[in-house]
Amino acid sequence: MQNALAVVTVVVVGIMVGVEFAVAVFVNPILNRLPDDSTIAARADGGRVLGRVMPFWYIGSMVLGAVWAAMAWGGAGASLVTAATALLAVSVVMSVLLLVPINNRAKTWTAEGRPADWKQQAGRWDRYHYARVGVIVLAFALFAVALTR
């Protein structure tokens, strides 16, 4: 059972990392090269769509990690799983405190109704997102190493 949980956790977290990495490295840079009205529309839509899914994915990943850590307690790799789960908790806190407030504003923006500093807010979101991606990549790596123990 623990092995199956470990594999499911690595797969779920790995796919989440892939999505978030793609947003950071490919999607948002492409959107930023579009005309402003298109960038705003695309970011607002992305904020609405991913804003519905990602909370469940992040928290679900953290729960999977916590269950795996509890099952592995005292065994090989348990400290790695615990550290990875703690990093996922950090990513959730980062999301709630730093990214979600900006996203909640951005998903309501339109070409006609946008703040004067929308580019600065989008840039801030991107910088926070890069940091969050770093945190979840590290968590994924720890989970992957723990899986081999």
N, C-alpha and C. Protein backbone atom coordinates (compact mmCIF):
# COMPACT_ATOMS: atom_id res chain seq x y z
N MET A 1 0.82 -1.20 0.00
CA MET A 1 0.00 0.00 0.00
C MET A 1 0.86 1.27 0.00
N GLN A 2 1.92 1.25 0.83
CA GLN A 2 2.79 2.42 0.90
C GLN A 2 3.48 2.68 -0.43
N ASN A 3 3.89 1.62 -1.12
CA ASN A 3 4.54 1.80 -2.41
C ASN A 3 3.59 2.43 -3.42
N ALA A 4 2.35 1.98 -3.44
CA ALA A 4 1.36 2.54 -4.36
C ALA A 4 1.11 4.01 -4.03
N LEU A 5 1.00 4.33 -2.75
CA LEU A 5 0.80 5.72 -2.33
C LEU A 5 1.99 6.58 -2.74
N ALA A 6 3.19 6.05 -2.59
CA ALA A 6 4.39 6.79 -2.97
C ALA A 6 4.40 7.09 -4.47
N VAL A 7 4.06 6.11 -5.28
CA VAL A 7 4.03 6.31 -6.73
C VAL A 7 2.96 7.33 -7.11
N VAL A 8 1.77 7.19 -6.53
CA VAL A 8 0.68 8.14 -6.83
C VAL A 8 1.10 9.55 -6.43
N THR A 9 1.73 9.70 -5.28
CA THR A 9 2.17 11.01 -4.82
C THR A 9 3.18 11.61 -5.79
N VAL A 10 4.16 10.83 -6.20
CA VAL A 10 5.19 11.33 -7.12
C VAL A 10 4.55 11.72 -8.46
N VAL A 11 3.62 10.92 -8.95
CA VAL A 11 2.97 11.24 -10.22
C VAL A 11 2.14 12.51 -10.10
N VAL A 12 1.31 12.61 -9.06
CA VAL A 12 0.45 13.79 -8.88
C VAL A 12 1.28 15.06 -8.72
N VAL A 13 2.29 15.00 -7.87
CA VAL A 13 3.15 16.16 -7.65
C VAL A 13 3.96 16.46 -8.92
N GLY A 14 4.43 15.45 -9.60
CA GLY A 14 5.20 15.65 -10.82
C GLY A 14 4.41 16.34 -11.91
N ILE A 15 3.16 15.94 -12.08
CA ILE A 15 2.32 16.59 -13.08
C ILE A 15 2.04 18.04 -12.67
N MET A 16 1.80 18.27 -11.38
CA MET A 16 1.58 19.64 -10.91
C MET A 16 2.81 20.50 -11.18
N VAL A 17 3.98 19.97 -10.90
CA VAL A 17 5.22 20.70 -11.15
C VAL A 17 5.35 21.00 -12.64
N GLY A 18 5.01 20.04 -13.48
CA GLY A 18 5.08 20.26 -14.92
C GLY A 18 4.17 21.38 -15.38
N VAL A 19 2.96 21.40 -14.86
CA VAL A 19 2.01 22.46 -15.24
C VAL A 19 2.54 23.81 -14.78
N GLU A 20 2.95 23.90 -13.53
CA GLU A 20 3.42 25.18 -13.00
C GLU A 20 4.71 25.64 -13.67
N PHE A 21 5.60 24.70 -13.99
CA PHE A 21 6.82 25.05 -14.70
C PHE A 21 6.49 25.58 -16.09
N ALA A 22 5.56 24.93 -16.77
CA ALA A 22 5.16 25.37 -18.11
C ALA A 22 4.55 26.77 -18.07
N VAL A 23 3.75 27.05 -17.06
CA VAL A 23 3.16 28.39 -16.92
C VAL A 23 4.27 29.42 -16.74
N ALA A 24 5.23 29.11 -15.88
CA ALA A 24 6.31 30.06 -15.58
C ALA A 24 7.25 30.28 -16.76
N VAL A 25 7.63 29.22 -17.42
CA VAL A 25 8.70 29.30 -18.41
C VAL A 25 8.19 29.51 -19.83
N PHE A 26 6.98 29.04 -20.12
CA PHE A 26 6.49 29.12 -21.49
C PHE A 26 5.23 29.95 -21.65
N VAL A 27 4.19 29.64 -20.90
CA VAL A 27 2.88 30.25 -21.14
C VAL A 27 2.90 31.75 -20.86
N ASN A 28 3.27 32.16 -19.66
CA ASN A 28 3.23 33.59 -19.34
C ASN A 28 4.20 34.42 -20.18
N PRO A 29 5.42 33.95 -20.46
CA PRO A 29 6.26 34.73 -21.37
C PRO A 29 5.64 34.90 -22.76
N ILE A 30 4.96 33.87 -23.25
CA ILE A 30 4.28 34.00 -24.55
C ILE A 30 3.15 35.01 -24.44
N LEU A 31 2.35 34.91 -23.37
CA LEU A 31 1.24 35.85 -23.19
C LEU A 31 1.74 37.28 -23.08
N ASN A 32 2.88 37.47 -22.44
CA ASN A 32 3.42 38.82 -22.26
C ASN A 32 3.88 39.46 -23.57
N ARG A 33 4.08 38.65 -24.60
CA ARG A 33 4.49 39.19 -25.90
C ARG A 33 3.28 39.54 -26.78
N LEU A 34 2.08 39.20 -26.33
CA LEU A 34 0.87 39.55 -27.07
C LEU A 34 0.52 41.02 -26.86
N PRO A 35 -0.35 41.58 -27.69
CA PRO A 35 -0.85 42.93 -27.42
C PRO A 35 -1.51 42.97 -26.03
N ASP A 36 -1.45 44.12 -25.39
CA ASP A 36 -1.92 44.25 -24.01
C ASP A 36 -3.33 43.69 -23.79
N ASP A 37 -4.27 44.02 -24.68
CA ASP A 37 -5.65 43.55 -24.50
C ASP A 37 -5.71 42.02 -24.50
N SER A 38 -4.93 41.39 -25.36
CA SER A 38 -4.91 39.93 -25.43
C SER A 38 -4.24 39.33 -24.20
N THR A 39 -3.17 39.97 -23.75
CA THR A 39 -2.48 39.50 -22.54
C THR A 39 -3.43 39.53 -21.35
N ILE A 40 -4.14 40.62 -21.20
CA ILE A 40 -5.07 40.76 -20.07
C ILE A 40 -6.16 39.69 -20.15
N ALA A 41 -6.74 39.51 -21.32
CA ALA A 41 -7.80 38.51 -21.47
C ALA A 41 -7.29 37.11 -21.17
N ALA A 42 -6.12 36.77 -21.68
CA ALA A 42 -5.57 35.43 -21.48
C ALA A 42 -5.19 35.19 -20.02
N ARG A 43 -4.56 36.18 -19.39
CA ARG A 43 -4.19 36.02 -17.98
C ARG A 43 -5.44 35.92 -17.10
N ALA A 44 -6.46 36.72 -17.41
CA ALA A 44 -7.69 36.66 -16.62
C ALA A 44 -8.34 35.30 -16.76
N ASP A 45 -8.41 34.77 -17.98
CA ASP A 45 -9.01 33.46 -18.18
C ASP A 45 -8.18 32.37 -17.52
N GLY A 46 -6.86 32.43 -17.66
CA GLY A 46 -5.98 31.47 -17.00
C GLY A 46 -6.14 31.53 -15.49
N GLY A 47 -6.27 32.73 -14.95
CA GLY A 47 -6.47 32.89 -13.51
C GLY A 47 -7.77 32.26 -13.04
N ARG A 48 -8.80 32.40 -13.85
CA ARG A 48 -10.09 31.80 -13.48
C ARG A 48 -10.03 30.27 -13.55
N VAL A 49 -9.49 29.75 -14.64
CA VAL A 49 -9.46 28.29 -14.84
C VAL A 49 -8.53 27.63 -13.83
N LEU A 50 -7.28 28.06 -13.80
CA LEU A 50 -6.32 27.44 -12.89
C LEU A 50 -6.62 27.78 -11.43
N GLY A 51 -7.23 28.93 -11.21
CA GLY A 51 -7.61 29.31 -9.85
C GLY A 51 -8.65 28.38 -9.24
N ARG A 52 -9.41 27.70 -10.09
CA ARG A 52 -10.39 26.72 -9.59
C ARG A 52 -9.75 25.37 -9.30
N VAL A 53 -8.76 25.00 -10.10
CA VAL A 53 -8.18 23.66 -10.03
C VAL A 53 -7.01 23.57 -9.06
N MET A 54 -6.12 24.54 -9.10
CA MET A 54 -4.86 24.43 -8.39
C MET A 54 -4.98 24.32 -6.87
N PRO A 55 -5.94 24.99 -6.22
CA PRO A 55 -6.03 24.79 -4.77
C PRO A 55 -6.23 23.33 -4.38
N PHE A 56 -7.06 22.62 -5.12
CA PHE A 56 -7.29 21.21 -4.83
C PHE A 56 -6.03 20.39 -5.11
N TRP A 57 -5.33 20.74 -6.18
CA TRP A 57 -4.13 20.02 -6.55
C TRP A 57 -3.02 20.22 -5.52
N TYR A 58 -2.82 21.47 -5.11
CA TYR A 58 -1.79 21.75 -4.11
C TYR A 58 -2.11 21.08 -2.77
N ILE A 59 -3.31 21.27 -2.30
CA ILE A 59 -3.68 20.70 -1.00
C ILE A 59 -3.74 19.19 -1.08
N GLY A 60 -4.26 18.66 -2.18
CA GLY A 60 -4.29 17.22 -2.37
C GLY A 60 -2.89 16.62 -2.37
N SER A 61 -1.96 17.29 -3.04
CA SER A 61 -0.57 16.83 -3.06
C SER A 61 0.03 16.84 -1.67
N MET A 62 -0.26 17.88 -0.93
CA MET A 62 0.24 17.99 0.44
C MET A 62 -0.34 16.87 1.32
N VAL A 63 -1.62 16.59 1.15
CA VAL A 63 -2.25 15.51 1.93
C VAL A 63 -1.64 14.16 1.57
N LEU A 64 -1.45 13.92 0.28
CA LEU A 64 -0.80 12.67 -0.13
C LEU A 64 0.58 12.54 0.52
N GLY A 65 1.34 13.63 0.51
CA GLY A 65 2.65 13.61 1.13
C GLY A 65 2.57 13.35 2.63
N ALA A 66 1.60 13.96 3.30
CA ALA A 66 1.46 13.77 4.74
C ALA A 66 1.09 12.32 5.07
N VAL A 67 0.22 11.73 4.28
CA VAL A 67 -0.16 10.34 4.51
C VAL A 67 1.04 9.42 4.26
N TRP A 68 1.77 9.69 3.19
CA TRP A 68 2.97 8.90 2.91
C TRP A 68 3.98 9.05 4.05
N ALA A 69 4.18 10.28 4.53
CA ALA A 69 5.12 10.51 5.64
C ALA A 69 4.69 9.74 6.89
N ALA A 70 3.39 9.74 7.18
CA ALA A 70 2.89 9.02 8.35
C ALA A 70 3.10 7.51 8.19
N MET A 71 2.85 7.01 7.00
CA MET A 71 3.02 5.57 6.76
C MET A 71 4.49 5.16 6.78
N ALA A 72 5.37 6.05 6.37
CA ALA A 72 6.79 5.73 6.28
C ALA A 72 7.55 6.07 7.56
N TRP A 73 6.86 6.66 8.54
CA TRP A 73 7.52 7.18 9.73
C TRP A 73 8.50 6.16 10.31
N GLY A 74 9.74 6.60 10.51
CA GLY A 74 10.78 5.75 11.08
C GLY A 74 11.49 4.89 10.06
N GLY A 75 11.02 4.87 8.84
CA GLY A 75 11.63 4.05 7.81
C GLY A 75 12.55 4.84 6.91
N ALA A 76 13.11 4.13 5.95
CA ALA A 76 14.01 4.76 4.99
C ALA A 76 13.25 5.78 4.15
N GLY A 77 13.80 6.94 4.03
CA GLY A 77 13.20 7.98 3.21
C GLY A 77 12.13 8.82 3.89
N ALA A 78 11.76 8.47 5.10
CA ALA A 78 10.69 9.21 5.79
C ALA A 78 11.05 10.68 5.98
N SER A 79 12.31 10.96 6.28
CA SER A 79 12.70 12.36 6.47
C SER A 79 12.61 13.14 5.16
N LEU A 80 12.90 12.48 4.05
CA LEU A 80 12.78 13.14 2.75
C LEU A 80 11.32 13.45 2.43
N VAL A 81 10.45 12.49 2.70
CA VAL A 81 9.02 12.69 2.45
C VAL A 81 8.48 13.79 3.35
N THR A 82 8.90 13.82 4.60
CA THR A 82 8.46 14.86 5.53
C THR A 82 8.94 16.23 5.07
N ALA A 83 10.19 16.31 4.63
CA ALA A 83 10.72 17.59 4.15
C ALA A 83 9.99 18.04 2.88
N ALA A 84 9.72 17.11 1.99
CA ALA A 84 8.99 17.45 0.75
C ALA A 84 7.59 17.94 1.08
N THR A 85 6.94 17.29 2.01
CA THR A 85 5.59 17.70 2.41
C THR A 85 5.62 19.08 3.06
N ALA A 86 6.64 19.34 3.86
CA ALA A 86 6.79 20.67 4.46
C ALA A 86 6.98 21.74 3.37
N LEU A 87 7.74 21.41 2.34
CA LEU A 87 7.91 22.36 1.24
C LEU A 87 6.59 22.60 0.50
N LEU A 88 5.78 21.57 0.35
CA LEU A 88 4.46 21.78 -0.25
C LEU A 88 3.60 22.69 0.63
N ALA A 89 3.73 22.53 1.94
CA ALA A 89 3.01 23.43 2.85
C ALA A 89 3.49 24.87 2.67
N VAL A 90 4.79 25.05 2.51
CA VAL A 90 5.34 26.39 2.24
C VAL A 90 4.75 26.95 0.95
N SER A 91 4.63 26.10 -0.07
CA SER A 91 4.07 26.56 -1.36
C SER A 91 2.61 26.96 -1.22
N VAL A 92 1.87 26.28 -0.37
CA VAL A 92 0.47 26.65 -0.13
C VAL A 92 0.40 27.99 0.58
N VAL A 93 1.24 28.19 1.58
CA VAL A 93 1.27 29.47 2.30
C VAL A 93 1.68 30.60 1.34
N MET A 94 2.69 30.35 0.52
CA MET A 94 3.10 31.35 -0.47
C MET A 94 1.94 31.70 -1.39
N SER A 95 1.22 30.67 -1.82
CA SER A 95 0.09 30.88 -2.73
C SER A 95 -0.96 31.78 -2.08
N VAL A 96 -1.34 31.42 -0.87
CA VAL A 96 -2.42 32.16 -0.18
C VAL A 96 -2.01 33.59 0.12
N LEU A 97 -0.78 33.78 0.57
CA LEU A 97 -0.35 35.11 1.00
C LEU A 97 0.12 36.00 -0.15
N LEU A 98 0.74 35.42 -1.17
CA LEU A 98 1.38 36.23 -2.20
C LEU A 98 0.68 36.18 -3.56
N LEU A 99 0.35 35.00 -4.03
CA LEU A 99 -0.15 34.85 -5.40
C LEU A 99 -1.66 35.01 -5.52
N VAL A 100 -2.41 34.42 -4.63
CA VAL A 100 -3.87 34.45 -4.73
C VAL A 100 -4.43 35.87 -4.71
N PRO A 101 -3.94 36.76 -3.84
CA PRO A 101 -4.49 38.12 -3.87
C PRO A 101 -4.32 38.81 -5.23
N ILE A 102 -3.16 38.63 -5.85
CA ILE A 102 -2.95 39.21 -7.18
C ILE A 102 -3.84 38.53 -8.20
N ASN A 103 -3.89 37.20 -8.14
CA ASN A 103 -4.71 36.44 -9.08
C ASN A 103 -6.18 36.82 -8.98
N ASN A 104 -6.67 37.02 -7.76
CA ASN A 104 -8.08 37.39 -7.58
C ASN A 104 -8.40 38.73 -8.24
N ARG A 105 -7.44 39.63 -8.22
CA ARG A 105 -7.64 40.90 -8.93
C ARG A 105 -7.52 40.71 -10.44
N ALA A 106 -6.49 39.99 -10.85
CA ALA A 106 -6.19 39.84 -12.29
C ALA A 106 -7.31 39.12 -13.04
N LYS A 107 -7.96 38.19 -12.40
CA LYS A 107 -8.99 37.44 -13.12
C LYS A 107 -10.24 38.27 -13.41
N THR A 108 -10.31 39.46 -12.84
CA THR A 108 -11.44 40.36 -13.13
C THR A 108 -11.08 41.44 -14.13
N TRP A 109 -9.82 41.52 -14.53
CA TRP A 109 -9.39 42.57 -15.44
C TRP A 109 -9.95 42.36 -16.84
N THR A 110 -10.26 43.45 -17.47
CA THR A 110 -10.67 43.46 -18.87
C THR A 110 -9.86 44.55 -19.57
N ALA A 111 -9.93 44.56 -20.88
CA ALA A 111 -9.21 45.60 -21.64
C ALA A 111 -9.70 46.99 -21.23
N GLU A 112 -10.98 47.10 -20.94
CA GLU A 112 -11.56 48.40 -20.57
C GLU A 112 -11.43 48.71 -19.08
N GLY A 113 -11.36 47.68 -18.27
CA GLY A 113 -11.32 47.87 -16.82
C GLY A 113 -10.11 47.22 -16.20
N ARG A 114 -9.00 47.87 -16.35
CA ARG A 114 -7.75 47.35 -15.78
C ARG A 114 -7.06 48.47 -15.02
N PRO A 115 -6.33 48.12 -13.96
CA PRO A 115 -5.62 49.16 -13.22
C PRO A 115 -4.41 49.66 -14.02
N ALA A 116 -3.99 50.85 -13.70
CA ALA A 116 -2.85 51.44 -14.40
C ALA A 116 -1.58 50.62 -14.19
N ASP A 117 -1.47 49.96 -13.04
CA ASP A 117 -0.25 49.20 -12.73
C ASP A 117 -0.40 47.70 -13.00
N TRP A 118 -1.27 47.32 -13.93
CA TRP A 118 -1.52 45.90 -14.16
C TRP A 118 -0.26 45.15 -14.57
N LYS A 119 0.62 45.78 -15.34
CA LYS A 119 1.85 45.09 -15.77
C LYS A 119 2.77 44.83 -14.57
N GLN A 120 2.83 45.79 -13.65
CA GLN A 120 3.65 45.60 -12.45
C GLN A 120 3.07 44.48 -11.58
N GLN A 121 1.75 44.44 -11.46
CA GLN A 121 1.12 43.38 -10.67
C GLN A 121 1.36 42.01 -11.32
N ALA A 122 1.23 41.95 -12.64
CA ALA A 122 1.48 40.69 -13.35
C ALA A 122 2.94 40.27 -13.19
N GLY A 123 3.86 41.22 -13.26
CA GLY A 123 5.27 40.92 -13.07
C GLY A 123 5.56 40.42 -11.66
N ARG A 124 4.91 41.02 -10.67
CA ARG A 124 5.07 40.57 -9.28
C ARG A 124 4.56 39.14 -9.14
N TRP A 125 3.38 38.86 -9.73
CA TRP A 125 2.84 37.50 -9.68
C TRP A 125 3.84 36.52 -10.31
N ASP A 126 4.40 36.90 -11.45
CA ASP A 126 5.37 36.02 -12.12
C ASP A 126 6.58 35.75 -11.24
N ARG A 127 7.10 36.76 -10.58
CA ARG A 127 8.28 36.57 -9.71
C ARG A 127 7.94 35.65 -8.53
N TYR A 128 6.80 35.87 -7.90
CA TYR A 128 6.38 34.98 -6.81
C TYR A 128 6.18 33.55 -7.33
N HIS A 129 5.63 33.46 -8.53
CA HIS A 129 5.39 32.14 -9.11
C HIS A 129 6.71 31.42 -9.38
N TYR A 130 7.73 32.12 -9.88
CA TYR A 130 9.04 31.49 -10.08
C TYR A 130 9.57 30.91 -8.77
N ALA A 131 9.44 31.67 -7.70
CA ALA A 131 9.90 31.19 -6.39
C ALA A 131 9.09 29.96 -5.96
N ARG A 132 7.79 30.01 -6.16
CA ARG A 132 6.95 28.86 -5.79
C ARG A 132 7.31 27.64 -6.62
N VAL A 133 7.57 27.82 -7.90
CA VAL A 133 7.98 26.70 -8.75
C VAL A 133 9.28 26.09 -8.21
N GLY A 134 10.22 26.92 -7.80
CA GLY A 134 11.44 26.40 -7.21
C GLY A 134 11.18 25.54 -5.99
N VAL A 135 10.26 25.99 -5.15
CA VAL A 135 9.91 25.24 -3.94
C VAL A 135 9.28 23.89 -4.30
N ILE A 136 8.34 23.88 -5.24
CA ILE A 136 7.68 22.61 -5.55
C ILE A 136 8.58 21.68 -6.38
N VAL A 137 9.51 22.23 -7.16
CA VAL A 137 10.48 21.37 -7.85
C VAL A 137 11.35 20.64 -6.82
N LEU A 138 11.78 21.37 -5.81
CA LEU A 138 12.58 20.75 -4.75
C LEU A 138 11.76 19.69 -4.02
N ALA A 139 10.50 19.97 -3.73
CA ALA A 139 9.64 18.98 -3.08
C ALA A 139 9.52 17.73 -3.95
N PHE A 140 9.29 17.93 -5.24
CA PHE A 140 9.19 16.79 -6.16
C PHE A 140 10.47 15.96 -6.17
N ALA A 141 11.61 16.63 -6.21
CA ALA A 141 12.89 15.92 -6.21
C ALA A 141 13.05 15.09 -4.94
N LEU A 142 12.67 15.66 -3.80
CA LEU A 142 12.77 14.91 -2.55
C LEU A 142 11.83 13.70 -2.55
N PHE A 143 10.61 13.88 -3.05
CA PHE A 143 9.69 12.75 -3.16
C PHE A 143 10.28 11.66 -4.07
N ALA A 144 10.85 12.07 -5.20
CA ALA A 144 11.41 11.11 -6.16
C ALA A 144 12.57 10.32 -5.53
N VAL A 145 13.43 11.02 -4.81
CA VAL A 145 14.54 10.33 -4.14
C VAL A 145 14.00 9.38 -3.07
N ALA A 146 13.00 9.83 -2.31
CA ALA A 146 12.42 8.98 -1.27
C ALA A 146 11.79 7.72 -1.87
N LEU A 147 11.25 7.85 -3.06
CA LEU A 147 10.63 6.71 -3.73
C LEU A 147 11.65 5.60 -4.00
N THR A 148 12.91 5.97 -4.18
CA THR A 148 13.95 4.98 -4.48
C THR A 148 14.55 4.34 -3.23
N ARG A 149 14.15 4.80 -2.07
CA ARG A 149 14.72 4.27 -0.81
C ARG A 149 13.99 3.05 -0.34
